[in-house]
Amino acid sequence: MAKATSKTIKITQTGSPIRREASQRATLIGLGLNKMHKTSELQDTPEVRGMIRKVQHMVTVTEA
């Protein structure tokens, strides 16, 4: 169960999904990113961390 004061992270897309696998493109969309330099703020969960790990070469992560 998530706490009321759970941590959030900001994810910014820095790489293009052109010529990437369809699963990586779908992961970016799942993270709320679909255009270059777009930023999304999400809860810091193991599921989100796994998605970030899959596309780590196309995103930058900052602690919020």
N, C-alpha and C. Protein backbone atom coordinates (compact mmCIF):
# COMPACT_ATOMS: atom_id res chain seq x y z
N MET A 1 0.84 -1.17 0.00
CA MET A 1 0.00 0.00 0.00
C MET A 1 0.89 1.24 0.00
N ALA A 2 0.57 2.22 -0.82
CA ALA A 2 1.37 3.43 -0.95
C ALA A 2 1.12 4.37 0.23
N LYS A 3 2.18 4.98 0.70
CA LYS A 3 2.07 5.95 1.77
C LYS A 3 1.63 7.29 1.20
N ALA A 4 1.08 8.13 2.04
CA ALA A 4 0.64 9.44 1.59
C ALA A 4 1.83 10.32 1.21
N THR A 5 2.99 10.07 1.80
CA THR A 5 4.18 10.87 1.52
C THR A 5 5.18 10.09 0.68
N SER A 6 4.69 9.35 -0.30
CA SER A 6 5.59 8.56 -1.14
C SER A 6 6.39 9.47 -2.06
N LYS A 7 7.57 8.99 -2.43
CA LYS A 7 8.48 9.77 -3.25
C LYS A 7 8.02 9.80 -4.71
N THR A 8 8.38 10.87 -5.38
CA THR A 8 8.11 10.96 -6.81
C THR A 8 9.41 11.22 -7.54
N ILE A 9 9.43 10.85 -8.81
CA ILE A 9 10.60 11.10 -9.64
C ILE A 9 10.15 11.77 -10.93
N LYS A 10 11.03 12.62 -11.47
CA LYS A 10 10.75 13.28 -12.73
C LYS A 10 11.56 12.58 -13.81
N ILE A 11 10.88 12.22 -14.89
CA ILE A 11 11.52 11.51 -16.00
C ILE A 11 11.39 12.40 -17.23
N THR A 12 12.52 12.67 -17.90
CA THR A 12 12.52 13.49 -19.11
C THR A 12 13.05 12.67 -20.26
N GLN A 13 12.34 12.68 -21.37
CA GLN A 13 12.79 11.94 -22.56
C GLN A 13 13.87 12.75 -23.26
N THR A 14 15.03 12.15 -23.46
CA THR A 14 16.15 12.83 -24.11
C THR A 14 16.56 12.15 -25.41
N GLY A 15 16.06 10.96 -25.67
CA GLY A 15 16.40 10.23 -26.88
C GLY A 15 15.18 9.95 -27.73
N SER A 16 15.41 9.76 -29.01
CA SER A 16 14.32 9.51 -29.94
C SER A 16 13.98 8.02 -30.00
N PRO A 17 12.69 7.68 -30.10
CA PRO A 17 12.30 6.28 -30.23
C PRO A 17 12.38 5.76 -31.66
N ILE A 18 12.85 6.59 -32.58
CA ILE A 18 12.99 6.15 -33.97
C ILE A 18 14.03 5.04 -34.03
N ARG A 19 13.74 3.99 -34.78
CA ARG A 19 14.60 2.81 -34.94
C ARG A 19 14.79 2.03 -33.64
N ARG A 20 13.86 2.14 -32.73
CA ARG A 20 13.90 1.36 -31.49
C ARG A 20 12.85 0.26 -31.57
N GLU A 21 13.00 -0.73 -30.73
CA GLU A 21 12.03 -1.82 -30.68
C GLU A 21 10.66 -1.30 -30.27
N ALA A 22 9.64 -1.98 -30.74
CA ALA A 22 8.26 -1.57 -30.41
C ALA A 22 8.02 -1.61 -28.90
N SER A 23 8.65 -2.55 -28.21
CA SER A 23 8.44 -2.63 -26.76
C SER A 23 9.03 -1.42 -26.04
N GLN A 24 10.14 -0.88 -26.56
CA GLN A 24 10.72 0.31 -25.95
C GLN A 24 9.85 1.53 -26.21
N ARG A 25 9.27 1.62 -27.38
CA ARG A 25 8.34 2.71 -27.67
C ARG A 25 7.12 2.63 -26.77
N ALA A 26 6.61 1.42 -26.58
CA ALA A 26 5.45 1.23 -25.71
C ALA A 26 5.78 1.58 -24.26
N THR A 27 7.00 1.29 -23.84
CA THR A 27 7.42 1.62 -22.48
C THR A 27 7.46 3.13 -22.28
N LEU A 28 7.96 3.87 -23.28
CA LEU A 28 7.96 5.33 -23.18
C LEU A 28 6.54 5.87 -23.06
N ILE A 29 5.62 5.32 -23.83
CA ILE A 29 4.23 5.76 -23.75
C ILE A 29 3.65 5.42 -22.38
N GLY A 30 4.02 4.25 -21.85
CA GLY A 30 3.57 3.86 -20.52
C GLY A 30 4.08 4.79 -19.43
N LEU A 31 5.24 5.38 -19.65
CA LEU A 31 5.80 6.34 -18.71
C LEU A 31 5.22 7.74 -18.90
N GLY A 32 4.39 7.91 -19.92
CA GLY A 32 3.79 9.22 -20.18
C GLY A 32 4.65 10.10 -21.05
N LEU A 33 5.58 9.49 -21.78
CA LEU A 33 6.48 10.24 -22.65
C LEU A 33 6.23 9.82 -24.09
N ASN A 34 6.12 10.78 -24.99
CA ASN A 34 5.96 10.44 -26.39
C ASN A 34 6.62 11.45 -27.32
N LYS A 35 7.20 12.49 -26.76
CA LYS A 35 7.91 13.49 -27.57
C LYS A 35 9.20 13.87 -26.86
N MET A 36 10.15 14.33 -27.64
CA MET A 36 11.44 14.72 -27.10
C MET A 36 11.27 15.85 -26.07
N HIS A 37 12.04 15.79 -24.99
CA HIS A 37 12.12 16.78 -23.93
C HIS A 37 10.82 16.93 -23.14
N LYS A 38 9.93 15.95 -23.23
CA LYS A 38 8.72 15.96 -22.42
C LYS A 38 9.06 15.38 -21.05
N THR A 39 8.46 15.92 -20.01
CA THR A 39 8.74 15.48 -18.64
C THR A 39 7.47 14.91 -18.02
N SER A 40 7.66 13.84 -17.27
CA SER A 40 6.56 13.19 -16.58
C SER A 40 6.96 12.98 -15.13
N GLU A 41 6.05 13.19 -14.21
CA GLU A 41 6.32 12.99 -12.79
C GLU A 41 5.50 11.80 -12.31
N LEU A 42 6.19 10.76 -11.82
CA LEU A 42 5.53 9.52 -11.42
C LEU A 42 5.96 9.12 -10.02
N GLN A 43 5.18 8.22 -9.41
CA GLN A 43 5.54 7.66 -8.11
C GLN A 43 6.77 6.77 -8.27
N ASP A 44 7.64 6.77 -7.29
CA ASP A 44 8.85 5.97 -7.32
C ASP A 44 8.51 4.56 -6.82
N THR A 45 8.15 3.67 -7.75
CA THR A 45 7.81 2.29 -7.42
C THR A 45 8.75 1.35 -8.16
N PRO A 46 8.85 0.11 -7.73
CA PRO A 46 9.70 -0.84 -8.44
C PRO A 46 9.26 -1.06 -9.89
N GLU A 47 7.97 -0.96 -10.16
CA GLU A 47 7.48 -1.13 -11.52
C GLU A 47 7.97 -0.01 -12.43
N VAL A 48 7.90 1.22 -11.94
CA VAL A 48 8.36 2.37 -12.72
C VAL A 48 9.87 2.30 -12.90
N ARG A 49 10.60 1.90 -11.86
CA ARG A 49 12.05 1.76 -11.97
C ARG A 49 12.44 0.72 -13.03
N GLY A 50 11.67 -0.36 -13.11
CA GLY A 50 11.93 -1.38 -14.13
C GLY A 50 11.69 -0.84 -15.53
N MET A 51 10.65 -0.03 -15.70
CA MET A 51 10.38 0.57 -17.00
C MET A 51 11.50 1.54 -17.37
N ILE A 52 11.98 2.31 -16.40
CA ILE A 52 13.07 3.25 -16.65
C ILE A 52 14.33 2.49 -17.06
N ARG A 53 14.59 1.38 -16.40
CA ARG A 53 15.78 0.58 -16.71
C ARG A 53 15.75 0.09 -18.16
N LYS A 54 14.56 -0.20 -18.66
CA LYS A 54 14.42 -0.71 -20.02
C LYS A 54 14.76 0.36 -21.07
N VAL A 55 14.48 1.62 -20.76
CA VAL A 55 14.73 2.71 -21.71
C VAL A 55 15.71 3.74 -21.14
N GLN A 56 16.64 3.30 -20.32
CA GLN A 56 17.54 4.22 -19.63
C GLN A 56 18.42 5.02 -20.57
N HIS A 57 18.62 4.53 -21.79
CA HIS A 57 19.44 5.24 -22.76
C HIS A 57 18.67 6.37 -23.45
N MET A 58 17.36 6.49 -23.18
CA MET A 58 16.54 7.53 -23.81
C MET A 58 15.92 8.49 -22.82
N VAL A 59 16.19 8.34 -21.53
CA VAL A 59 15.58 9.20 -20.51
C VAL A 59 16.61 9.66 -19.49
N THR A 60 16.28 10.75 -18.80
CA THR A 60 17.05 11.16 -17.64
C THR A 60 16.08 11.21 -16.45
N VAL A 61 16.59 10.87 -15.28
CA VAL A 61 15.75 10.77 -14.08
C VAL A 61 16.29 11.71 -13.02
N THR A 62 15.39 12.48 -12.40
CA THR A 62 15.76 13.33 -11.28
C THR A 62 14.79 13.05 -10.14
N GLU A 63 15.31 13.07 -8.93
CA GLU A 63 14.49 12.88 -7.74
C GLU A 63 13.72 14.16 -7.48
N ALA A 64 12.44 14.03 -7.18
CA ALA A 64 11.61 15.22 -6.94
C ALA A 64 11.39 15.43 -5.46
